[in-house]
ModelCIF file with pLDDT and N, C-alpha, C, O atoms, coordinates in Angstrom:
data_MODEL
#
_entry.id   MODEL 
#
_entity.id                         1 
_entity.type                       polymer 
_entity.pdbx_number_of_molecules   1 
#
_entity_poly.entity_id                      1 
_entity_poly.type                           'polypeptide(L)' 
_entity_poly.nstd_linkage                   no 
_entity_poly.nstd_monomer                   no 
_entity_poly.pdbx_seq_one_letter_code       FVRALPEGRRGRAFLFATSGFPVLMGPMTRLLGRRGFEVVDTFSVRA 
_entity_poly.pdbx_seq_one_letter_code_can   FVRALPEGRRGRAFLFATSGFPVLMGPMTRLLGRRGFEVVDTFSVRA 
_entity_poly.pdbx_strand_id                 A 
#
loop_
_entity_poly_seq.entity_id 
_entity_poly_seq.num 
_entity_poly_seq.mon_id 
_entity_poly_seq.hetero 
1 1  PHE n 
1 2  VAL n 
1 3  ARG n 
1 4  ALA n 
1 5  LEU n 
1 6  PRO n 
1 7  GLU n 
1 8  GLY n 
1 9  ARG n 
1 10 ARG n 
1 11 GLY n 
1 12 ARG n 
1 13 ALA n 
1 14 PHE n 
1 15 LEU n 
1 16 PHE n 
1 17 ALA n 
1 18 THR n 
1 19 SER n 
1 20 GLY n 
1 21 PHE n 
1 22 PRO n 
1 23 VAL n 
1 24 LEU n 
1 25 MET n 
1 26 GLY n 
1 27 PRO n 
1 28 MET n 
1 29 THR n 
1 30 ARG n 
1 31 LEU n 
1 32 LEU n 
1 33 GLY n 
1 34 ARG n 
1 35 ARG n 
1 36 GLY n 
1 37 PHE n 
1 38 GLU n 
1 39 VAL n 
1 40 VAL n 
1 41 ASP n 
1 42 THR n 
1 43 PHE n 
1 44 SER n 
1 45 VAL n 
1 46 ARG n 
1 47 ALA n 
#
_struct_asym.id          A 
_struct_asym.entity_id   1 
#
loop_
_ma_qa_metric.id 
_ma_qa_metric.mode 
_ma_qa_metric.name 
_ma_qa_metric.software_group_id 
_ma_qa_metric.type 
1 global pLDDT . pLDDT 
2 local  pLDDT . pLDDT 
#
_ma_qa_metric_global.metric_id      1 
_ma_qa_metric_global.metric_value   87.51 
_ma_qa_metric_global.model_id       1 
_ma_qa_metric_global.ordinal_id     1 
#
loop_
_ma_qa_metric_local.label_asym_id 
_ma_qa_metric_local.label_comp_id 
_ma_qa_metric_local.label_seq_id 
_ma_qa_metric_local.metric_id 
_ma_qa_metric_local.metric_value 
_ma_qa_metric_local.model_id 
_ma_qa_metric_local.ordinal_id 
A PHE 1  2 95.00 1 1  
A VAL 2  2 95.00 1 2  
A ARG 3  2 94.00 1 3  
A ALA 4  2 93.00 1 4  
A LEU 5  2 92.00 1 5  
A PRO 6  2 85.00 1 6  
A GLU 7  2 81.00 1 7  
A GLY 8  2 80.00 1 8  
A ARG 9  2 80.00 1 9  
A ARG 10 2 85.00 1 10 
A GLY 11 2 91.00 1 11 
A ARG 12 2 95.00 1 12 
A ALA 13 2 96.00 1 13 
A PHE 14 2 97.00 1 14 
A LEU 15 2 96.00 1 15 
A PHE 16 2 95.00 1 16 
A ALA 17 2 91.00 1 17 
A THR 18 2 87.00 1 18 
A SER 19 2 78.00 1 19 
A GLY 20 2 66.00 1 20 
A PHE 21 2 62.00 1 21 
A PRO 22 2 63.00 1 22 
A VAL 23 2 72.00 1 23 
A LEU 24 2 73.00 1 24 
A MET 25 2 78.00 1 25 
A GLY 26 2 84.00 1 26 
A PRO 27 2 90.00 1 27 
A MET 28 2 92.00 1 28 
A THR 29 2 94.00 1 29 
A ARG 30 2 94.00 1 30 
A LEU 31 2 95.00 1 31 
A LEU 32 2 95.00 1 32 
A GLY 33 2 95.00 1 33 
A ARG 34 2 93.00 1 34 
A ARG 35 2 94.00 1 35 
A GLY 36 2 93.00 1 36 
A PHE 37 2 95.00 1 37 
A GLU 38 2 95.00 1 38 
A VAL 39 2 96.00 1 39 
A VAL 40 2 96.00 1 40 
A ASP 41 2 95.00 1 41 
A THR 42 2 95.00 1 42 
A PHE 43 2 93.00 1 43 
A SER 44 2 85.00 1 44 
A VAL 45 2 86.00 1 45 
A ARG 46 2 72.00 1 46 
A ALA 47 2 66.00 1 47 
#
loop_
_atom_site.group_PDB 
_atom_site.id 
_atom_site.type_symbol 
_atom_site.label_atom_id 
_atom_site.label_alt_id 
_atom_site.label_comp_id 
_atom_site.label_asym_id 
_atom_site.label_entity_id 
_atom_site.label_seq_id 
_atom_site.pdbx_PDB_ins_code 
_atom_site.Cartn_x 
_atom_site.Cartn_y 
_atom_site.Cartn_z 
_atom_site.occupancy 
_atom_site.B_iso_or_equiv 
_atom_site.pdbx_formal_charge 
_atom_site.auth_seq_id 
_atom_site.auth_comp_id 
_atom_site.auth_asym_id 
_atom_site.auth_atom_id 
_atom_site.pdbx_PDB_model_num 
ATOM 1   N N  . PHE A 1 1  ? 51.459 25.332 -282.042 1.00 95.00 ? 1  PHE A N  1 
ATOM 2   C CA . PHE A 1 1  ? 52.193 24.295 -282.762 1.00 95.00 ? 1  PHE A CA 1 
ATOM 3   C C  . PHE A 1 1  ? 52.034 24.496 -284.266 1.00 95.00 ? 1  PHE A C  1 
ATOM 4   O O  . PHE A 1 1  ? 53.017 24.469 -285.008 1.00 95.00 ? 1  PHE A O  1 
ATOM 5   N N  . VAL A 1 2  ? 50.805 24.697 -284.711 1.00 95.00 ? 2  VAL A N  1 
ATOM 6   C CA . VAL A 1 2  ? 50.552 24.878 -286.144 1.00 95.00 ? 2  VAL A CA 1 
ATOM 7   C C  . VAL A 1 2  ? 51.165 26.185 -286.629 1.00 95.00 ? 2  VAL A C  1 
ATOM 8   O O  . VAL A 1 2  ? 51.779 26.215 -287.695 1.00 95.00 ? 2  VAL A O  1 
ATOM 9   N N  . ARG A 1 3  ? 51.011 27.262 -285.870 1.00 94.00 ? 3  ARG A N  1 
ATOM 10  C CA . ARG A 1 3  ? 51.592 28.553 -286.269 1.00 94.00 ? 3  ARG A CA 1 
ATOM 11  C C  . ARG A 1 3  ? 53.108 28.469 -286.424 1.00 94.00 ? 3  ARG A C  1 
ATOM 12  O O  . ARG A 1 3  ? 53.681 29.143 -287.281 1.00 94.00 ? 3  ARG A O  1 
ATOM 13  N N  . ALA A 1 4  ? 53.759 27.653 -285.610 1.00 93.00 ? 4  ALA A N  1 
ATOM 14  C CA . ALA A 1 4  ? 55.225 27.553 -285.635 1.00 93.00 ? 4  ALA A CA 1 
ATOM 15  C C  . ALA A 1 4  ? 55.749 26.749 -286.821 1.00 93.00 ? 4  ALA A C  1 
ATOM 16  O O  . ALA A 1 4  ? 56.946 26.778 -287.108 1.00 93.00 ? 4  ALA A O  1 
ATOM 17  N N  . LEU A 1 5  ? 54.871 26.036 -287.508 1.00 92.00 ? 5  LEU A N  1 
ATOM 18  C CA . LEU A 1 5  ? 55.317 25.255 -288.663 1.00 92.00 ? 5  LEU A CA 1 
ATOM 19  C C  . LEU A 1 5  ? 55.731 26.195 -289.789 1.00 92.00 ? 5  LEU A C  1 
ATOM 20  O O  . LEU A 1 5  ? 55.041 27.177 -290.062 1.00 92.00 ? 5  LEU A O  1 
ATOM 21  N N  . PRO A 1 6  ? 56.840 25.904 -290.437 1.00 85.00 ? 6  PRO A N  1 
ATOM 22  C CA . PRO A 1 6  ? 57.211 26.731 -291.591 1.00 85.00 ? 6  PRO A CA 1 
ATOM 23  C C  . PRO A 1 6  ? 56.207 26.518 -292.723 1.00 85.00 ? 6  PRO A C  1 
ATOM 24  O O  . PRO A 1 6  ? 55.639 25.434 -292.864 1.00 85.00 ? 6  PRO A O  1 
ATOM 25  N N  . GLU A 1 7  ? 55.997 27.542 -293.513 1.00 81.00 ? 7  GLU A N  1 
ATOM 26  C CA . GLU A 1 7  ? 55.090 27.417 -294.643 1.00 81.00 ? 7  GLU A CA 1 
ATOM 27  C C  . GLU A 1 7  ? 55.676 26.440 -295.654 1.00 81.00 ? 7  GLU A C  1 
ATOM 28  O O  . GLU A 1 7  ? 56.894 26.301 -295.772 1.00 81.00 ? 7  GLU A O  1 
ATOM 29  N N  . GLY A 1 8  ? 54.801 25.776 -296.369 1.00 80.00 ? 8  GLY A N  1 
ATOM 30  C CA . GLY A 1 8  ? 55.243 24.820 -297.375 1.00 80.00 ? 8  GLY A CA 1 
ATOM 31  C C  . GLY A 1 8  ? 54.184 23.759 -297.578 1.00 80.00 ? 8  GLY A C  1 
ATOM 32  O O  . GLY A 1 8  ? 53.290 23.591 -296.749 1.00 80.00 ? 8  GLY A O  1 
ATOM 33  N N  . ARG A 1 9  ? 54.287 23.056 -298.667 1.00 80.00 ? 9  ARG A N  1 
ATOM 34  C CA . ARG A 1 9  ? 53.306 22.006 -298.963 1.00 80.00 ? 9  ARG A CA 1 
ATOM 35  C C  . ARG A 1 9  ? 53.477 20.862 -297.995 1.00 80.00 ? 9  ARG A C  1 
ATOM 36  O O  . ARG A 1 9  ? 54.580 20.341 -297.832 1.00 80.00 ? 9  ARG A O  1 
ATOM 37  N N  . ARG A 1 10 ? 52.388 20.462 -297.348 1.00 85.00 ? 10 ARG A N  1 
ATOM 38  C CA . ARG A 1 10 ? 52.462 19.430 -296.317 1.00 85.00 ? 10 ARG A CA 1 
ATOM 39  C C  . ARG A 1 10 ? 51.647 18.187 -296.610 1.00 85.00 ? 10 ARG A C  1 
ATOM 40  O O  . ARG A 1 10 ? 52.066 17.094 -296.229 1.00 85.00 ? 10 ARG A O  1 
ATOM 41  N N  . GLY A 1 11 ? 50.527 18.296 -297.254 1.00 91.00 ? 11 GLY A N  1 
ATOM 42  C CA . GLY A 1 11 ? 49.694 17.119 -297.471 1.00 91.00 ? 11 GLY A CA 1 
ATOM 43  C C  . GLY A 1 11 ? 48.313 17.296 -296.873 1.00 91.00 ? 11 GLY A C  1 
ATOM 44  O O  . GLY A 1 11 ? 47.840 18.414 -296.673 1.00 91.00 ? 11 GLY A O  1 
ATOM 45  N N  . ARG A 1 12 ? 47.680 16.177 -296.594 1.00 95.00 ? 12 ARG A N  1 
ATOM 46  C CA . ARG A 1 12 ? 46.282 16.201 -296.166 1.00 95.00 ? 12 ARG A CA 1 
ATOM 47  C C  . ARG A 1 12 ? 46.160 16.160 -294.651 1.00 95.00 ? 12 ARG A C  1 
ATOM 48  O O  . ARG A 1 12 ? 46.991 15.588 -293.945 1.00 95.00 ? 12 ARG A O  1 
ATOM 49  N N  . ALA A 1 13 ? 45.077 16.799 -294.174 1.00 96.00 ? 13 ALA A N  1 
ATOM 50  C CA . ALA A 1 13 ? 44.817 16.855 -292.744 1.00 96.00 ? 13 ALA A CA 1 
ATOM 51  C C  . ALA A 1 13 ? 43.318 16.796 -292.498 1.00 96.00 ? 13 ALA A C  1 
ATOM 52  O O  . ALA A 1 13 ? 42.510 17.059 -293.389 1.00 96.00 ? 13 ALA A O  1 
ATOM 53  N N  . PHE A 1 14 ? 42.968 16.444 -291.261 1.00 97.00 ? 14 PHE A N  1 
ATOM 54  C CA . PHE A 1 14 ? 41.588 16.592 -290.814 1.00 97.00 ? 14 PHE A CA 1 
ATOM 55  C C  . PHE A 1 14 ? 41.620 17.269 -289.457 1.00 97.00 ? 14 PHE A C  1 
ATOM 56  O O  . PHE A 1 14 ? 42.643 17.276 -288.771 1.00 97.00 ? 14 PHE A O  1 
ATOM 57  N N  . LEU A 1 15 ? 40.493 17.834 -289.085 1.00 96.00 ? 15 LEU A N  1 
ATOM 58  C CA . LEU A 1 15 ? 40.381 18.641 -287.883 1.00 96.00 ? 15 LEU A CA 1 
ATOM 59  C C  . LEU A 1 15 ? 39.227 18.102 -287.061 1.00 96.00 ? 15 LEU A C  1 
ATOM 60  O O  . LEU A 1 15 ? 38.178 17.761 -287.607 1.00 96.00 ? 15 LEU A O  1 
ATOM 61  N N  . PHE A 1 16 ? 39.416 18.024 -285.739 1.00 95.00 ? 16 PHE A N  1 
ATOM 62  C CA . PHE A 1 16 ? 38.324 17.575 -284.871 1.00 95.00 ? 16 PHE A CA 1 
ATOM 63  C C  . PHE A 1 16 ? 38.364 18.320 -283.548 1.00 95.00 ? 16 PHE A C  1 
ATOM 64  O O  . PHE A 1 16 ? 39.402 18.835 -283.134 1.00 95.00 ? 16 PHE A O  1 
ATOM 65  N N  . ALA A 1 17 ? 37.200 18.365 -282.889 1.00 91.00 ? 17 ALA A N  1 
ATOM 66  C CA . ALA A 1 17 ? 37.098 19.096 -281.638 1.00 91.00 ? 17 ALA A CA 1 
ATOM 67  C C  . ALA A 1 17 ? 36.042 18.480 -280.734 1.00 91.00 ? 17 ALA A C  1 
ATOM 68  O O  . ALA A 1 17 ? 35.100 17.834 -281.195 1.00 91.00 ? 17 ALA A O  1 
ATOM 69  N N  . THR A 1 18 ? 36.225 18.697 -279.428 1.00 87.00 ? 18 THR A N  1 
ATOM 70  C CA . THR A 1 18 ? 35.206 18.409 -278.439 1.00 87.00 ? 18 THR A CA 1 
ATOM 71  C C  . THR A 1 18 ? 34.842 19.737 -277.797 1.00 87.00 ? 18 THR A C  1 
ATOM 72  O O  . THR A 1 18 ? 35.704 20.576 -277.537 1.00 87.00 ? 18 THR A O  1 
ATOM 73  N N  . SER A 1 19 ? 33.541 19.913 -277.545 1.00 78.00 ? 19 SER A N  1 
ATOM 74  C CA . SER A 1 19 ? 33.111 21.206 -277.033 1.00 78.00 ? 19 SER A CA 1 
ATOM 75  C C  . SER A 1 19 ? 31.731 21.118 -276.416 1.00 78.00 ? 19 SER A C  1 
ATOM 76  O O  . SER A 1 19 ? 30.926 20.261 -276.779 1.00 78.00 ? 19 SER A O  1 
ATOM 77  N N  . GLY A 1 20 ? 31.471 22.003 -275.490 1.00 66.00 ? 20 GLY A N  1 
ATOM 78  C CA . GLY A 1 20 ? 30.147 22.094 -274.900 1.00 66.00 ? 20 GLY A CA 1 
ATOM 79  C C  . GLY A 1 20 ? 29.149 22.744 -275.830 1.00 66.00 ? 20 GLY A C  1 
ATOM 80  O O  . GLY A 1 20 ? 27.945 22.527 -275.692 1.00 66.00 ? 20 GLY A O  1 
ATOM 81  N N  . PHE A 1 21 ? 29.618 23.527 -276.762 1.00 62.00 ? 21 PHE A N  1 
ATOM 82  C CA . PHE A 1 21 ? 28.769 24.292 -277.674 1.00 62.00 ? 21 PHE A CA 1 
ATOM 83  C C  . PHE A 1 21 ? 29.231 24.074 -279.113 1.00 62.00 ? 21 PHE A C  1 
ATOM 84  O O  . PHE A 1 21 ? 30.284 23.475 -279.329 1.00 62.00 ? 21 PHE A O  1 
ATOM 85  N N  . PRO A 1 22 ? 28.472 24.545 -280.100 1.00 63.00 ? 22 PRO A N  1 
ATOM 86  C CA . PRO A 1 22 ? 28.904 24.402 -281.501 1.00 63.00 ? 22 PRO A CA 1 
ATOM 87  C C  . PRO A 1 22 ? 30.296 25.002 -281.723 1.00 63.00 ? 22 PRO A C  1 
ATOM 88  O O  . PRO A 1 22 ? 30.690 25.968 -281.069 1.00 63.00 ? 22 PRO A O  1 
ATOM 89  N N  . VAL A 1 23 ? 31.016 24.407 -282.652 1.00 72.00 ? 23 VAL A N  1 
ATOM 90  C CA . VAL A 1 23 ? 32.412 24.759 -282.910 1.00 72.00 ? 23 VAL A CA 1 
ATOM 91  C C  . VAL A 1 23 ? 32.545 25.474 -284.251 1.00 72.00 ? 23 VAL A C  1 
ATOM 92  O O  . VAL A 1 23 ? 31.936 25.078 -285.244 1.00 72.00 ? 23 VAL A O  1 
ATOM 93  N N  . LEU A 1 24 ? 33.346 26.526 -284.262 1.00 73.00 ? 24 LEU A N  1 
ATOM 94  C CA . LEU A 1 24 ? 33.696 27.207 -285.510 1.00 73.00 ? 24 LEU A CA 1 
ATOM 95  C C  . LEU A 1 24 ? 35.036 26.654 -285.979 1.00 73.00 ? 24 LEU A C  1 
ATOM 96  O O  . LEU A 1 24 ? 36.072 26.920 -285.370 1.00 73.00 ? 24 LEU A O  1 
ATOM 97  N N  . MET A 1 25 ? 35.011 25.890 -287.053 1.00 78.00 ? 25 MET A N  1 
ATOM 98  C CA . MET A 1 25 ? 36.228 25.252 -287.561 1.00 78.00 ? 25 MET A CA 1 
ATOM 99  C C  . MET A 1 25 ? 37.011 26.155 -288.508 1.00 78.00 ? 25 MET A C  1 
ATOM 100 O O  . MET A 1 25 ? 38.194 25.917 -288.751 1.00 78.00 ? 25 MET A O  1 
ATOM 101 N N  . GLY A 1 26 ? 36.368 27.184 -289.041 1.00 84.00 ? 26 GLY A N  1 
ATOM 102 C CA . GLY A 1 26 ? 36.985 28.022 -290.067 1.00 84.00 ? 26 GLY A CA 1 
ATOM 103 C C  . GLY A 1 26 ? 38.342 28.598 -289.717 1.00 84.00 ? 26 GLY A C  1 
ATOM 104 O O  . GLY A 1 26 ? 39.271 28.469 -290.515 1.00 84.00 ? 26 GLY A O  1 
ATOM 105 N N  . PRO A 1 27 ? 38.503 29.233 -288.550 1.00 90.00 ? 27 PRO A N  1 
ATOM 106 C CA . PRO A 1 27 ? 39.812 29.831 -288.249 1.00 90.00 ? 27 PRO A CA 1 
ATOM 107 C C  . PRO A 1 27 ? 40.957 28.813 -288.223 1.00 90.00 ? 27 PRO A C  1 
ATOM 108 O O  . PRO A 1 27 ? 42.037 29.087 -288.746 1.00 90.00 ? 27 PRO A O  1 
ATOM 109 N N  . MET A 1 28 ? 40.734 27.659 -287.627 1.00 92.00 ? 28 MET A N  1 
ATOM 110 C CA . MET A 1 28 ? 41.805 26.645 -287.571 1.00 92.00 ? 28 MET A CA 1 
ATOM 111 C C  . MET A 1 28 ? 42.020 26.007 -288.937 1.00 92.00 ? 28 MET A C  1 
ATOM 112 O O  . MET A 1 28 ? 43.151 25.684 -289.300 1.00 92.00 ? 28 MET A O  1 
ATOM 113 N N  . THR A 1 29 ? 40.950 25.824 -289.690 1.00 94.00 ? 29 THR A N  1 
ATOM 114 C CA . THR A 1 29 ? 41.075 25.291 -291.054 1.00 94.00 ? 29 THR A CA 1 
ATOM 115 C C  . THR A 1 29 ? 41.933 26.227 -291.903 1.00 94.00 ? 29 THR A C  1 
ATOM 116 O O  . THR A 1 29 ? 42.806 25.775 -292.644 1.00 94.00 ? 29 THR A O  1 
ATOM 117 N N  . ARG A 1 30 ? 41.682 27.524 -291.792 1.00 94.00 ? 30 ARG A N  1 
ATOM 118 C CA . ARG A 1 30 ? 42.476 28.501 -292.553 1.00 94.00 ? 30 ARG A CA 1 
ATOM 119 C C  . ARG A 1 30 ? 43.937 28.505 -292.098 1.00 94.00 ? 30 ARG A C  1 
ATOM 120 O O  . ARG A 1 30 ? 44.844 28.599 -292.925 1.00 94.00 ? 30 ARG A O  1 
ATOM 121 N N  . LEU A 1 31 ? 44.164 28.403 -290.785 1.00 95.00 ? 31 LEU A N  1 
ATOM 122 C CA . LEU A 1 31 ? 45.537 28.368 -290.275 1.00 95.00 ? 31 LEU A CA 1 
ATOM 123 C C  . LEU A 1 31 ? 46.282 27.153 -290.823 1.00 95.00 ? 31 LEU A C  1 
ATOM 124 O O  . LEU A 1 31 ? 47.429 27.272 -291.251 1.00 95.00 ? 31 LEU A O  1 
ATOM 125 N N  . LEU A 1 32 ? 45.643 25.993 -290.811 1.00 95.00 ? 32 LEU A N  1 
ATOM 126 C CA . LEU A 1 32 ? 46.271 24.802 -291.382 1.00 95.00 ? 32 LEU A CA 1 
ATOM 127 C C  . LEU A 1 32 ? 46.540 24.990 -292.873 1.00 95.00 ? 32 LEU A C  1 
ATOM 128 O O  . LEU A 1 32 ? 47.585 24.573 -293.372 1.00 95.00 ? 32 LEU A O  1 
ATOM 129 N N  . GLY A 1 33 ? 45.614 25.608 -293.577 1.00 95.00 ? 33 GLY A N  1 
ATOM 130 C CA . GLY A 1 33 ? 45.802 25.887 -295.001 1.00 95.00 ? 33 GLY A CA 1 
ATOM 131 C C  . GLY A 1 33 ? 47.007 26.782 -295.258 1.00 95.00 ? 33 GLY A C  1 
ATOM 132 O O  . GLY A 1 33 ? 47.755 26.572 -296.213 1.00 95.00 ? 33 GLY A O  1 
ATOM 133 N N  . ARG A 1 34 ? 47.189 27.783 -294.399 1.00 93.00 ? 34 ARG A N  1 
ATOM 134 C CA . ARG A 1 34 ? 48.341 28.681 -294.552 1.00 93.00 ? 34 ARG A CA 1 
ATOM 135 C C  . ARG A 1 34 ? 49.659 27.965 -294.279 1.00 93.00 ? 34 ARG A C  1 
ATOM 136 O O  . ARG A 1 34 ? 50.714 28.430 -294.711 1.00 93.00 ? 34 ARG A O  1 
ATOM 137 N N  . ARG A 1 35 ? 49.613 26.859 -293.580 1.00 94.00 ? 35 ARG A N  1 
ATOM 138 C CA . ARG A 1 35 ? 50.821 26.083 -293.292 1.00 94.00 ? 35 ARG A CA 1 
ATOM 139 C C  . ARG A 1 35 ? 50.988 24.915 -294.252 1.00 94.00 ? 35 ARG A C  1 
ATOM 140 O O  . ARG A 1 35 ? 51.826 24.040 -294.034 1.00 94.00 ? 35 ARG A O  1 
ATOM 141 N N  . GLY A 1 36 ? 50.187 24.903 -295.317 1.00 93.00 ? 36 GLY A N  1 
ATOM 142 C CA . GLY A 1 36 ? 50.394 23.939 -296.385 1.00 93.00 ? 36 GLY A CA 1 
ATOM 143 C C  . GLY A 1 36 ? 49.561 22.678 -296.328 1.00 93.00 ? 36 GLY A C  1 
ATOM 144 O O  . GLY A 1 36 ? 49.762 21.778 -297.143 1.00 93.00 ? 36 GLY A O  1 
ATOM 145 N N  . PHE A 1 37 ? 48.629 22.581 -295.388 1.00 95.00 ? 37 PHE A N  1 
ATOM 146 C CA . PHE A 1 37 ? 47.770 21.403 -295.303 1.00 95.00 ? 37 PHE A CA 1 
ATOM 147 C C  . PHE A 1 37 ? 46.491 21.602 -296.106 1.00 95.00 ? 37 PHE A C  1 
ATOM 148 O O  . PHE A 1 37 ? 45.931 22.697 -296.150 1.00 95.00 ? 37 PHE A O  1 
ATOM 149 N N  . GLU A 1 38 ? 46.046 20.537 -296.733 1.00 95.00 ? 38 GLU A N  1 
ATOM 150 C CA . GLU A 1 38 ? 44.724 20.509 -297.347 1.00 95.00 ? 38 GLU A CA 1 
ATOM 151 C C  . GLU A 1 38 ? 43.801 19.822 -296.341 1.00 95.00 ? 38 GLU A C  1 
ATOM 152 O O  . GLU A 1 38 ? 43.914 18.617 -296.117 1.00 95.00 ? 38 GLU A O  1 
ATOM 153 N N  . VAL A 1 39 ? 42.889 20.584 -295.735 1.00 96.00 ? 39 VAL A N  1 
ATOM 154 C CA . VAL A 1 39 ? 41.965 20.010 -294.757 1.00 96.00 ? 39 VAL A CA 1 
ATOM 155 C C  . VAL A 1 39 ? 40.849 19.309 -295.522 1.00 96.00 ? 39 VAL A C  1 
ATOM 156 O O  . VAL A 1 39 ? 40.044 19.947 -296.200 1.00 96.00 ? 39 VAL A O  1 
ATOM 157 N N  . VAL A 1 40 ? 40.817 17.987 -295.402 1.00 96.00 ? 40 VAL A N  1 
ATOM 158 C CA . VAL A 1 40 ? 39.884 17.181 -296.185 1.00 96.00 ? 40 VAL A CA 1 
ATOM 159 C C  . VAL A 1 40 ? 38.556 16.959 -295.482 1.00 96.00 ? 40 VAL A C  1 
ATOM 160 O O  . VAL A 1 40 ? 37.565 16.633 -296.136 1.00 96.00 ? 40 VAL A O  1 
ATOM 161 N N  . ASP A 1 41 ? 38.512 17.130 -294.148 1.00 95.00 ? 41 ASP A N  1 
ATOM 162 C CA . ASP A 1 41 ? 37.242 16.955 -293.435 1.00 95.00 ? 41 ASP A CA 1 
ATOM 163 C C  . ASP A 1 41 ? 37.396 17.433 -292.000 1.00 95.00 ? 41 ASP A C  1 
ATOM 164 O O  . ASP A 1 41 ? 38.504 17.611 -291.494 1.00 95.00 ? 41 ASP A O  1 
ATOM 165 N N  . THR A 1 42 ? 36.240 17.637 -291.356 1.00 95.00 ? 42 THR A N  1 
ATOM 166 C CA . THR A 1 42 ? 36.214 18.050 -289.957 1.00 95.00 ? 42 THR A CA 1 
ATOM 167 C C  . THR A 1 42 ? 35.176 17.229 -289.203 1.00 95.00 ? 42 THR A C  1 
ATOM 168 O O  . THR A 1 42 ? 34.243 16.680 -289.790 1.00 95.00 ? 42 THR A O  1 
ATOM 169 N N  . PHE A 1 43 ? 35.364 17.159 -287.884 1.00 93.00 ? 43 PHE A N  1 
ATOM 170 C CA . PHE A 1 43 ? 34.453 16.407 -287.017 1.00 93.00 ? 43 PHE A CA 1 
ATOM 171 C C  . PHE A 1 43 ? 34.410 17.100 -285.663 1.00 93.00 ? 43 PHE A C  1 
ATOM 172 O O  . PHE A 1 43 ? 35.438 17.529 -285.140 1.00 93.00 ? 43 PHE A O  1 
ATOM 173 N N  . SER A 1 44 ? 33.227 17.204 -285.111 1.00 85.00 ? 44 SER A N  1 
ATOM 174 C CA . SER A 1 44 ? 33.123 17.728 -283.746 1.00 85.00 ? 44 SER A CA 1 
ATOM 175 C C  . SER A 1 44 ? 32.062 16.947 -282.996 1.00 85.00 ? 44 SER A C  1 
ATOM 176 O O  . SER A 1 44 ? 31.133 16.396 -283.586 1.00 85.00 ? 44 SER A O  1 
ATOM 177 N N  . VAL A 1 45 ? 32.222 16.913 -281.696 1.00 86.00 ? 45 VAL A N  1 
ATOM 178 C CA . VAL A 1 45 ? 31.298 16.189 -280.833 1.00 86.00 ? 45 VAL A CA 1 
ATOM 179 C C  . VAL A 1 45 ? 31.111 16.986 -279.548 1.00 86.00 ? 45 VAL A C  1 
ATOM 180 O O  . VAL A 1 45 ? 32.038 17.633 -279.062 1.00 86.00 ? 45 VAL A O  1 
ATOM 181 N N  . ARG A 1 46 ? 29.923 16.928 -279.020 1.00 72.00 ? 46 ARG A N  1 
ATOM 182 C CA . ARG A 1 46 ? 29.655 17.571 -277.739 1.00 72.00 ? 46 ARG A CA 1 
ATOM 183 C C  . ARG A 1 46 ? 30.374 16.793 -276.640 1.00 72.00 ? 46 ARG A C  1 
ATOM 184 O O  . ARG A 1 46 ? 30.523 15.573 -276.715 1.00 72.00 ? 46 ARG A O  1 
ATOM 185 N N  . ALA A 1 47 ? 30.815 17.526 -275.620 1.00 66.00 ? 47 ALA A N  1 
ATOM 186 C CA . ALA A 1 47 ? 31.520 16.910 -274.505 1.00 66.00 ? 47 ALA A CA 1 
ATOM 187 C C  . ALA A 1 47 ? 31.254 17.715 -273.240 1.00 66.00 ? 47 ALA A C  1 
ATOM 188 O O  . ALA A 1 47 ? 31.756 17.369 -272.171 1.00 66.00 ? 47 ALA A O  1 
#
């Protein structure tokens, strides 16, 4: 979904995940950045 977005200025975003193990947010944060989002914060929780 994010990859399919056309490039351009989009605004602010946050990223969150549920996972059994620690989460690497960097790749998705960079992908959102390339699509014009400013990622202002991230959150993850064990599940």
